[in-house]
């Protein structure tokens, strides 16, 4: 499955859990495109430190153009490279 984003275009995905559905907008990056290529995807989330939900992916994402580090913000879907 391949996803191509047109410059300036946003890709939206829907996350579903027992509390409802949430729309997530993916940036036009290699990381986001490699994540989108894994969809559809079912993940089992666990609580981390009372304010994050985490899960492991079976395949690492392409982080070749990602910034060295970034602080996550409330409401973001983030990827932390192993």
PDB file of N, CA and C in Angstrom:
ATOM      1  N   UNK A   1       0.845  -1.162   0.000  1.00  0.00           N
ATOM      2  CA  UNK A   1       0.000   0.000   0.000  1.00  0.00           C
ATOM      3  C   UNK A   1       0.896   1.232   0.000  1.00  0.00           C
ATOM      4  N   UNK A   2       0.640   2.176  -0.847  1.00  0.00           N
ATOM      5  CA  UNK A   2       1.456   3.390  -0.923  1.00  0.00           C
ATOM      6  C   UNK A   2       0.565   4.606  -0.760  1.00  0.00           C
ATOM      7  N   UNK A   3       1.087   5.598  -0.090  1.00  0.00           N
ATOM      8  CA  UNK A   3       0.375   6.853   0.109  1.00  0.00           C
ATOM      9  C   UNK A   3       1.255   7.967  -0.404  1.00  0.00           C
ATOM     10  N   UNK A   4       0.726   8.796  -1.234  1.00  0.00           N
ATOM     11  CA  UNK A   4       1.465   9.946  -1.745  1.00  0.00           C
ATOM     12  C   UNK A   4       0.738  11.214  -1.343  1.00  0.00           C
ATOM     13  N   UNK A   5       1.443  12.099  -0.673  1.00  0.00           N
ATOM     14  CA  UNK A   5       0.860  13.374  -0.303  1.00  0.00           C
ATOM     15  C   UNK A   5       1.277  14.416  -1.317  1.00  0.00           C
ATOM     16  N   UNK A   6       0.332  15.200  -1.766  1.00  0.00           N
ATOM     17  CA  UNK A   6       0.621  16.311  -2.656  1.00  0.00           C
ATOM     18  C   UNK A   6       1.063  17.473  -1.781  1.00  0.00           C
ATOM     19  N   UNK A   7       2.048  18.240  -2.237  1.00  0.00           N
ATOM     20  CA  UNK A   7       2.540  19.379  -1.453  1.00  0.00           C
ATOM     21  C   UNK A   7       1.371  20.237  -0.987  1.00  0.00           C
ATOM     22  N   UNK A   8       1.349  20.524   0.291  1.00  0.00           N
ATOM     23  CA  UNK A   8       0.292  21.338   0.856  1.00  0.00           C
ATOM     24  C   UNK A   8      -0.959  20.559   1.226  1.00  0.00           C
ATOM     25  N   UNK A   9      -1.021  19.299   0.865  1.00  0.00           N
ATOM     26  CA  UNK A   9      -2.182  18.471   1.164  1.00  0.00           C
ATOM     27  C   UNK A   9      -1.946  17.741   2.476  1.00  0.00           C
ATOM     28  N   UNK A  10      -3.002  17.550   3.258  1.00  0.00           N
ATOM     29  CA  UNK A  10      -2.887  16.851   4.526  1.00  0.00           C
ATOM     30  C   UNK A  10      -3.534  15.475   4.423  1.00  0.00           C
ATOM     31  N   UNK A  11      -2.913  14.500   5.077  1.00  0.00           N
ATOM     32  CA  UNK A  11      -3.508  13.181   5.157  1.00  0.00           C
ATOM     33  C   UNK A  11      -4.136  13.036   6.528  1.00  0.00           C
ATOM     34  N   UNK A  12      -5.397  12.655   6.561  1.00  0.00           N
ATOM     35  CA  UNK A  12      -6.078  12.456   7.826  1.00  0.00           C
ATOM     36  C   UNK A  12      -6.350  10.975   8.012  1.00  0.00           C
ATOM     37  N   UNK A  13      -6.130  10.524   9.237  1.00  0.00           N
ATOM     38  CA  UNK A  13      -6.471   9.158   9.586  1.00  0.00           C
ATOM     39  C   UNK A  13      -7.404   9.217  10.787  1.00  0.00           C
ATOM     40  N   UNK A  14      -8.115   8.149  11.033  1.00  0.00           N
ATOM     41  CA  UNK A  14      -9.031   8.088  12.164  1.00  0.00           C
ATOM     42  C   UNK A  14      -8.531   7.031  13.137  1.00  0.00           C
ATOM     43  N   UNK A  15      -8.347   7.457  14.374  1.00  0.00           N
ATOM     44  CA  UNK A  15      -8.002   6.540  15.458  1.00  0.00           C
ATOM     45  C   UNK A  15      -9.290   6.215  16.194  1.00  0.00           C
ATOM     46  N   UNK A  16      -9.513   4.935  16.466  1.00  0.00           N
ATOM     47  CA  UNK A  16     -10.729   4.530  17.166  1.00  0.00           C
ATOM     48  C   UNK A  16     -10.348   3.805  18.454  1.00  0.00           C
ATOM     49  N   UNK A  17     -11.096   4.107  19.519  1.00  0.00           N
ATOM     50  CA  UNK A  17     -10.969   3.344  20.751  1.00  0.00           C
ATOM     51  C   UNK A  17     -12.338   3.278  21.410  1.00  0.00           C
ATOM     52  N   UNK A  18     -12.393   2.718  22.607  1.00  0.00           N
ATOM     53  CA  UNK A  18     -13.690   2.535  23.263  1.00  0.00           C
ATOM     54  C   UNK A  18     -14.375   3.862  23.593  1.00  0.00           C
ATOM     55  N   UNK A  19     -13.628   4.954  23.609  1.00  0.00           N
ATOM     56  CA  UNK A  19     -14.197   6.264  23.919  1.00  0.00           C
ATOM     57  C   UNK A  19     -14.655   7.028  22.687  1.00  0.00           C
ATOM     58  N   UNK A  20     -14.371   6.529  21.509  1.00  0.00           N
ATOM     59  CA  UNK A  20     -14.813   7.210  20.303  1.00  0.00           C
ATOM     60  C   UNK A  20     -13.775   7.208  19.207  1.00  0.00           C
ATOM     61  N   UNK A  21     -13.923   8.149  18.300  1.00  0.00           N
ATOM     62  CA  UNK A  21     -13.018   8.280  17.155  1.00  0.00           C
ATOM     63  C   UNK A  21     -12.327   9.635  17.221  1.00  0.00           C
ATOM     64  N   UNK A  22     -11.078   9.655  16.770  1.00  0.00           N
ATOM     65  CA  UNK A  22     -10.273  10.864  16.789  1.00  0.00           C
ATOM     66  C   UNK A  22      -9.598  11.032  15.439  1.00  0.00           C
ATOM     67  N   UNK A  23      -9.698  12.209  14.872  1.00  0.00           N
ATOM     68  CA  UNK A  23      -9.055  12.497  13.594  1.00  0.00           C
ATOM     69  C   UNK A  23      -7.640  12.988  13.873  1.00  0.00           C
ATOM     70  N   UNK A  24      -6.676  12.397  13.172  1.00  0.00           N
ATOM     71  CA  UNK A  24      -5.271  12.781  13.296  1.00  0.00           C
ATOM     72  C   UNK A  24      -4.794  13.234  11.923  1.00  0.00           C
ATOM     73  N   UNK A  25      -4.133  14.375  11.869  1.00  0.00           N
ATOM     74  CA  UNK A  25      -3.575  14.896  10.625  1.00  0.00           C
ATOM     75  C   UNK A  25      -2.096  14.544  10.597  1.00  0.00           C
ATOM     76  N   UNK A  26      -1.678  13.840   9.544  1.00  0.00           N
ATOM     77  CA  UNK A  26      -0.270  13.471   9.396  1.00  0.00           C
ATOM     78  C   UNK A  26       0.462  14.533   8.591  1.00  0.00           C
ATOM     79  N   UNK A  27       1.665  14.863   9.033  1.00  0.00           N
ATOM     80  CA  UNK A  27       2.520  15.781   8.277  1.00  0.00           C
ATOM     81  C   UNK A  27       3.005  15.106   7.003  1.00  0.00           C
ATOM     82  N   UNK A  28       3.450  15.891   6.056  1.00  0.00           N
ATOM     83  CA  UNK A  28       4.026  15.352   4.826  1.00  0.00           C
ATOM     84  C   UNK A  28       5.515  15.090   5.070  1.00  0.00           C
ATOM     85  N   UNK A  29       5.797  13.975   5.744  1.00  0.00           N
ATOM     86  CA  UNK A  29       7.170  13.586   6.067  1.00  0.00           C
ATOM     87  C   UNK A  29       7.366  12.104   5.754  1.00  0.00           C
ATOM     88  N   UNK A  30       8.629  11.686   5.682  1.00  0.00           N
ATOM     89  CA  UNK A  30       8.912  10.262   5.466  1.00  0.00           C
ATOM     90  C   UNK A  30       8.369   9.423   6.617  1.00  0.00           C
ATOM     91  N   UNK A  31       8.472   9.944   7.837  1.00  0.00           N
ATOM     92  CA  UNK A  31       7.970   9.211   9.003  1.00  0.00           C
ATOM     93  C   UNK A  31       6.469   8.980   8.853  1.00  0.00           C
ATOM     94  N   UNK A  32       5.723  10.021   8.529  1.00  0.00           N
ATOM     95  CA  UNK A  32       4.270   9.908   8.389  1.00  0.00           C
ATOM     96  C   UNK A  32       3.895   8.980   7.237  1.00  0.00           C
ATOM     97  N   UNK A  33       4.601   9.102   6.122  1.00  0.00           N
ATOM     98  CA  UNK A  33       4.297   8.230   4.977  1.00  0.00           C
ATOM     99  C   UNK A  33       4.599   6.769   5.305  1.00  0.00           C
ATOM    100  N   UNK A  34       5.682   6.498   6.042  1.00  0.00           N
ATOM    101  CA  UNK A  34       5.990   5.110   6.374  1.00  0.00           C
ATOM    102  C   UNK A  34       4.985   4.567   7.398  1.00  0.00           C
ATOM    103  N   UNK A  35       4.460   5.443   8.266  1.00  0.00           N
ATOM    104  CA  UNK A  35       3.397   5.021   9.186  1.00  0.00           C
ATOM    105  C   UNK A  35       2.121   4.717   8.399  1.00  0.00           C
ATOM    106  N   UNK A  36       1.746   5.599   7.491  1.00  0.00           N
ATOM    107  CA  UNK A  36       0.535   5.413   6.692  1.00  0.00           C
ATOM    108  C   UNK A  36       0.605   4.120   5.877  1.00  0.00           C
ATOM    109  N   UNK A  37       1.794   3.734   5.451  1.00  0.00           N
ATOM    110  CA  UNK A  37       1.947   2.504   4.671  1.00  0.00           C
ATOM    111  C   UNK A  37       1.635   1.256   5.494  1.00  0.00           C
ATOM    112  N   UNK A  38       1.636   1.377   6.822  1.00  0.00           N
ATOM    113  CA  UNK A  38       1.313   0.248   7.692  1.00  0.00           C
ATOM    114  C   UNK A  38      -0.189   0.082   7.910  1.00  0.00           C
ATOM    115  N   UNK A  39      -0.970   1.074   7.509  1.00  0.00           N
ATOM    116  CA  UNK A  39      -2.414   1.052   7.750  1.00  0.00           C
ATOM    117  C   UNK A  39      -3.124   0.085   6.827  1.00  0.00           C
ATOM    118  N   UNK A  40      -4.213  -0.525   7.221  1.00  0.00           N
ATOM    119  CA  UNK A  40      -4.847  -0.425   8.533  1.00  0.00           C
ATOM    120  C   UNK A  40      -4.021  -1.148   9.588  1.00  0.00           C
ATOM    121  N   UNK A  41      -4.146  -0.712  10.813  1.00  0.00           N
ATOM    122  CA  UNK A  41      -3.289  -1.184  11.885  1.00  0.00           C
ATOM    123  C   UNK A  41      -4.085  -1.239  13.180  1.00  0.00           C
ATOM    124  N   UNK A  42      -3.923  -2.304  13.931  1.00  0.00           N
ATOM    125  CA  UNK A  42      -4.520  -2.422  15.257  1.00  0.00           C
ATOM    126  C   UNK A  42      -3.377  -2.449  16.254  1.00  0.00           C
ATOM    127  N   UNK A  43      -3.416  -1.536  17.211  1.00  0.00           N
ATOM    128  CA  UNK A  43      -2.369  -1.453  18.222  1.00  0.00           C
ATOM    129  C   UNK A  43      -2.979  -1.602  19.603  1.00  0.00           C
ATOM    130  N   UNK A  44      -2.281  -2.296  20.488  1.00  0.00           N
ATOM    131  CA  UNK A  44      -2.673  -2.367  21.888  1.00  0.00           C
ATOM    132  C   UNK A  44      -1.876  -1.305  22.630  1.00  0.00           C
ATOM    133  N   UNK A  45      -2.583  -0.312  23.168  1.00  0.00           N
ATOM    134  CA  UNK A  45      -1.928   0.794  23.848  1.00  0.00           C
ATOM    135  C   UNK A  45      -1.830   0.506  25.336  1.00  0.00           C
ATOM    136  N   UNK A  46      -0.737   0.963  25.918  1.00  0.00           N
ATOM    137  CA  UNK A  46      -0.588   0.881  27.373  1.00  0.00           C
ATOM    138  C   UNK A  46      -0.291   2.268  27.902  1.00  0.00           C
ATOM    139  N   UNK A  47      -0.590   2.472  29.170  1.00  0.00           N
ATOM    140  CA  UNK A  47      -0.385   3.772  29.793  1.00  0.00           C
ATOM    141  C   UNK A  47       1.085   3.978  30.112  1.00  0.00           C
ATOM    142  N   UNK A  48       1.577   5.179  29.871  1.00  0.00           N
ATOM    143  CA  UNK A  48       2.954   5.531  30.188  1.00  0.00           C
ATOM    144  C   UNK A  48       2.937   6.802  31.026  1.00  0.00           C
ATOM    145  N   UNK A  49       3.316   6.687  32.269  1.00  0.00           N
ATOM    146  CA  UNK A  49       3.482   7.830  33.167  1.00  0.00           C
ATOM    147  C   UNK A  49       2.201   8.643  33.369  1.00  0.00           C
ATOM    148  N   UNK A  50       1.062   8.030  33.165  1.00  0.00           N
ATOM    149  CA  UNK A  50      -0.202   8.692  33.441  1.00  0.00           C
ATOM    150  C   UNK A  50      -0.649   9.742  32.450  1.00  0.00           C
ATOM    151  N   UNK A  51       0.155  10.014  31.398  1.00  0.00           N
ATOM    152  CA  UNK A  51      -0.271  11.042  30.445  1.00  0.00           C
ATOM    153  C   UNK A  51       0.022  10.702  28.988  1.00  0.00           C
ATOM    154  N   UNK A  52       0.522   9.509  28.746  1.00  0.00           N
ATOM    155  CA  UNK A  52       0.769   9.081  27.368  1.00  0.00           C
ATOM    156  C   UNK A  52       0.269   7.653  27.190  1.00  0.00           C
ATOM    157  N   UNK A  53      -0.133   7.351  25.991  1.00  0.00           N
ATOM    158  CA  UNK A  53      -0.459   5.983  25.603  1.00  0.00           C
ATOM    159  C   UNK A  53       0.594   5.564  24.597  1.00  0.00           C
ATOM    160  N   UNK A  54       1.148   4.377  24.780  1.00  0.00           N
ATOM    161  CA  UNK A  54       2.243   3.924  23.927  1.00  0.00           C
ATOM    162  C   UNK A  54       1.970   2.522  23.398  1.00  0.00           C
ATOM    163  N   UNK A  55       2.631   2.221  22.277  1.00  0.00           N
ATOM    164  CA  UNK A  55       2.580   0.898  21.677  1.00  0.00           C
ATOM    165  C   UNK A  55       3.820   0.727  20.808  1.00  0.00           C
ATOM    166  N   UNK A  56       4.171  -0.487  20.551  1.00  0.00           N
ATOM    167  CA  UNK A  56       5.298  -0.775  19.670  1.00  0.00           C
ATOM    168  C   UNK A  56       4.779  -1.164  18.293  1.00  0.00           C
ATOM    169  N   UNK A  57       5.499  -0.718  17.275  1.00  0.00           N
ATOM    170  CA  UNK A  57       5.191  -1.113  15.905  1.00  0.00           C
ATOM    171  C   UNK A  57       6.034  -2.326  15.543  1.00  0.00           C
ATOM    172  N   UNK A  58       5.521  -3.174  14.676  1.00  0.00           N
ATOM    173  CA  UNK A  58       6.282  -4.352  14.243  1.00  0.00           C
ATOM    174  C   UNK A  58       7.441  -3.970  13.337  1.00  0.00           C
ATOM    175  N   UNK A  59       7.311  -2.837  12.655  1.00  0.00           N
ATOM    176  CA  UNK A  59       8.321  -2.374  11.708  1.00  0.00           C
ATOM    177  C   UNK A  59       8.739  -0.954  12.066  1.00  0.00           C
ATOM    178  N   UNK A  60      10.047  -0.670  12.148  1.00  0.00           N
ATOM    179  CA  UNK A  60      10.464   0.711  12.415  1.00  0.00           C
ATOM    180  C   UNK A  60      10.081   1.636  11.259  1.00  0.00           C
ATOM    181  N   UNK A  61       9.833   2.900  11.576  1.00  0.00           N
ATOM    182  CA  UNK A  61       9.493   3.878  10.562  1.00  0.00           C
ATOM    183  C   UNK A  61      10.750   4.540  10.014  1.00  0.00           C
ATOM    184  N   UNK A  62      10.637   5.111   8.838  1.00  0.00           N
ATOM    185  CA  UNK A  62      11.750   5.807   8.189  1.00  0.00           C
ATOM    186  C   UNK A  62      11.936   7.169   8.844  1.00  0.00           C
ATOM    187  N   UNK A  63      12.994   7.328   9.628  1.00  0.00           N
ATOM    188  CA  UNK A  63      13.243   8.588  10.330  1.00  0.00           C
ATOM    189  C   UNK A  63      14.411   9.358   9.712  1.00  0.00           C
ATOM    190  N   UNK A  64      14.765   9.027   8.485  1.00  0.00           N
ATOM    191  CA  UNK A  64      15.959   9.598   7.865  1.00  0.00           C
ATOM    192  C   UNK A  64      15.920  11.124   7.735  1.00  0.00           C
ATOM    193  N   UNK A  65      14.739  11.722   7.671  1.00  0.00           N
ATOM    194  CA  UNK A  65      14.660  13.179   7.557  1.00  0.00           C
ATOM    195  C   UNK A  65      14.032  13.822   8.787  1.00  0.00           C
ATOM    196  N   UNK A  66      13.880  13.051   9.858  1.00  0.00           N
ATOM    197  CA  UNK A  66      13.238  13.568  11.070  1.00  0.00           C
ATOM    198  C   UNK A  66      14.220  14.420  11.867  1.00  0.00           C
ATOM    199  N   UNK A  67      13.704  15.408  12.610  1.00  0.00           N
ATOM    200  CA  UNK A  67      14.591  16.187  13.470  1.00  0.00           C
ATOM    201  C   UNK A  67      15.191  15.310  14.553  1.00  0.00           C
ATOM    202  N   UNK A  68      16.312  15.710  15.067  1.00  0.00           N
ATOM    203  CA  UNK A  68      17.044  14.928  16.071  1.00  0.00           C
ATOM    204  C   UNK A  68      16.224  14.686  17.335  1.00  0.00           C
ATOM    205  N   UNK A  69      15.430  15.631  17.720  1.00  0.00           N
ATOM    206  CA  UNK A  69      14.601  15.501  18.914  1.00  0.00           C
ATOM    207  C   UNK A  69      13.499  16.527  18.895  1.00  0.00           C
ATOM    208  N   UNK A  70      12.427  16.236  19.568  1.00  0.00           N
ATOM    209  CA  UNK A  70      11.312  17.170  19.632  1.00  0.00           C
ATOM    210  C   UNK A  70      10.491  16.837  20.868  1.00  0.00           C
ATOM    211  N   UNK A  71       9.921  17.853  21.463  1.00  0.00           N
ATOM    212  CA  UNK A  71       9.037  17.649  22.600  1.00  0.00           C
ATOM    213  C   UNK A  71       7.629  17.405  22.095  1.00  0.00           C
ATOM    214  N   UNK A  72       7.020  16.337  22.585  1.00  0.00           N
ATOM    215  CA  UNK A  72       5.642  16.061  22.210  1.00  0.00           C
ATOM    216  C   UNK A  72       4.695  17.056  22.862  1.00  0.00           C
ATOM    217  N   UNK A  73       3.570  17.250  22.242  1.00  0.00           N
ATOM    218  CA  UNK A  73       2.554  18.162  22.757  1.00  0.00           C
ATOM    219  C   UNK A  73       1.254  17.389  22.959  1.00  0.00           C
ATOM    220  N   UNK A  74       0.455  17.856  23.886  1.00  0.00           N
ATOM    221  CA  UNK A  74      -0.829  17.226  24.161  1.00  0.00           C
ATOM    222  C   UNK A  74      -1.641  17.132  22.878  1.00  0.00           C
ATOM    223  N   UNK A  75      -2.180  15.948  22.617  1.00  0.00           N
ATOM    224  CA  UNK A  75      -3.008  15.736  21.438  1.00  0.00           C
ATOM    225  C   UNK A  75      -2.250  15.287  20.206  1.00  0.00           C
ATOM    226  N   UNK A  76      -0.925  15.208  20.281  1.00  0.00           N
ATOM    227  CA  UNK A  76      -0.126  14.789  19.119  1.00  0.00           C
ATOM    228  C   UNK A  76       0.021  13.283  19.066  1.00  0.00           C
ATOM    229  N   UNK A  77       0.130  12.780  17.865  1.00  0.00           N
ATOM    230  CA  UNK A  77       0.540  11.404  17.615  1.00  0.00           C
ATOM    231  C   UNK A  77       2.018  11.471  17.304  1.00  0.00           C
ATOM    232  N   UNK A  78       2.835  10.845  18.120  1.00  0.00           N
ATOM    233  CA  UNK A  78       4.294  10.956  17.972  1.00  0.00           C
ATOM    234  C   UNK A  78       4.931   9.593  17.821  1.00  0.00           C
ATOM    235  N   UNK A  79       6.107   9.598  17.230  1.00  0.00           N
ATOM    236  CA  UNK A  79       6.892   8.377  17.075  1.00  0.00           C
ATOM    237  C   UNK A  79       8.243   8.592  17.743  1.00  0.00           C
ATOM    238  N   UNK A  80       8.570   7.705  18.649  1.00  0.00           N
ATOM    239  CA  UNK A  80       9.872   7.735  19.306  1.00  0.00           C
ATOM    240  C   UNK A  80      10.665   6.561  18.774  1.00  0.00           C
ATOM    241  N   UNK A  81      11.741   6.860  18.072  1.00  0.00           N
ATOM    242  CA  UNK A  81      12.552   5.814  17.441  1.00  0.00           C
ATOM    243  C   UNK A  81      13.238   4.973  18.512  1.00  0.00           C
ATOM    244  N   UNK A  82      13.274   3.662  18.294  1.00  0.00           N
ATOM    245  CA  UNK A  82      13.956   2.786  19.252  1.00  0.00           C
ATOM    246  C   UNK A  82      15.461   3.045  19.285  1.00  0.00           C
TER     247      UNK A  82
END
